Amino acid sequence: MRPDLEAVPATFSIVARDRETGEWGVGVQSRYFAAGAAVPYARAGVGAVATQAWFHPDHGLRALALLAEGHSAPTAMERLLADDPARRVRQVALVDARGRVAAWTGPECLEWAGHHEGSQFSCQGNILAGPRVVAAMAEAFDGYAGRLADRLVAALRAGQAAGGDRRGKQSAALVIAREGTGFAGIGDRGVDIRVDDHPEPIEELARLLEVYRGTVWGQLTEGAVRLPERETVQFLQAILARSGAYRGETHGDLDAATRLALEEFARARGLEGEVRADQVSRRLFRALCEAYERAG
């Protein structure tokens, strides 16, 4: 028996690897509540996974585990589905550590369903307006110059413009994994943004991505923390004070005492070139956060 149309978390998504930045990511949009809680999985140095249609809750983590064991995307896919009695209604896409891709669209997924494999990416969807949706996504991703997050959003926009999920719009999500881009420079979850229920989920996702980029953690993901934004400087002053490198007030002004404290902190750790006129590098910021934690 085929699943009921409204009960299936139908969606269109893209999994990709950026060979230049060492990022893996997933972008997704669906006429289903909170698709970001079910579809995207990514791990730095391992790969990215999208699991959708009549999805299995364990497929995302199982796929990442298989990739982490060193299996290629095609082999991992074969093993993932080998003992799955419901594989005919599953849709899964993988990209591995080397950028190899594998996609599966079960023959009983609700129409239109299919996928488009490209170089280090795959676009896929079900209950779509037609094959033009994944084709448009692939073309947009290939043709957009920029960071992986922006390319994924561009692909989602193109898919929606081509008709998208034929039931409509409701949720979207974006996940980017890159080592050292998590909170305080720890872990790999550089971007993890979800829009669970919104009339224009992709546009809201794009807006939240820009909001995130304005935060300290968003800046860290992009490669450096910008100075002299007041909240950023205040945050750095608090870290320097806790680690004993700064004895002034946390007023948020990038004054001579604050810059001297930053430079001395960097010099003591062999990171002299990591403080610039308008930014602090990711590596130095990670060292600051580690000193903050050690201070107890």
Foldseek 3Di string as FASTA:
>chain_A
DADDPVVFFWWKKKWFADPVQQKTKMKIWTPAFFLLVAFWDAFGLFWIKGKGFNGDRCLRVQLSVCSVVPDAQVVSVCVSCVPPPPLLRIWMKIATNVLDIDIDHRVRHAPPWDKDDDRSMIITTGQFPDPVLRVQLVVQLVPDDDDPQVSRLSSVVSSVVSTTNVVAGFKMWMWMFDQQLDVLRHGTGNDTDIGRGDNDHSVVRVVVLVVLCPDQSVVLSVWWGWPDAQVVQLVLQVLLVLLPLADDHSRSDPDPRSVVSLQVLCVVVVNNVQDDPTTGGSVSSSVSSVSNVVSD
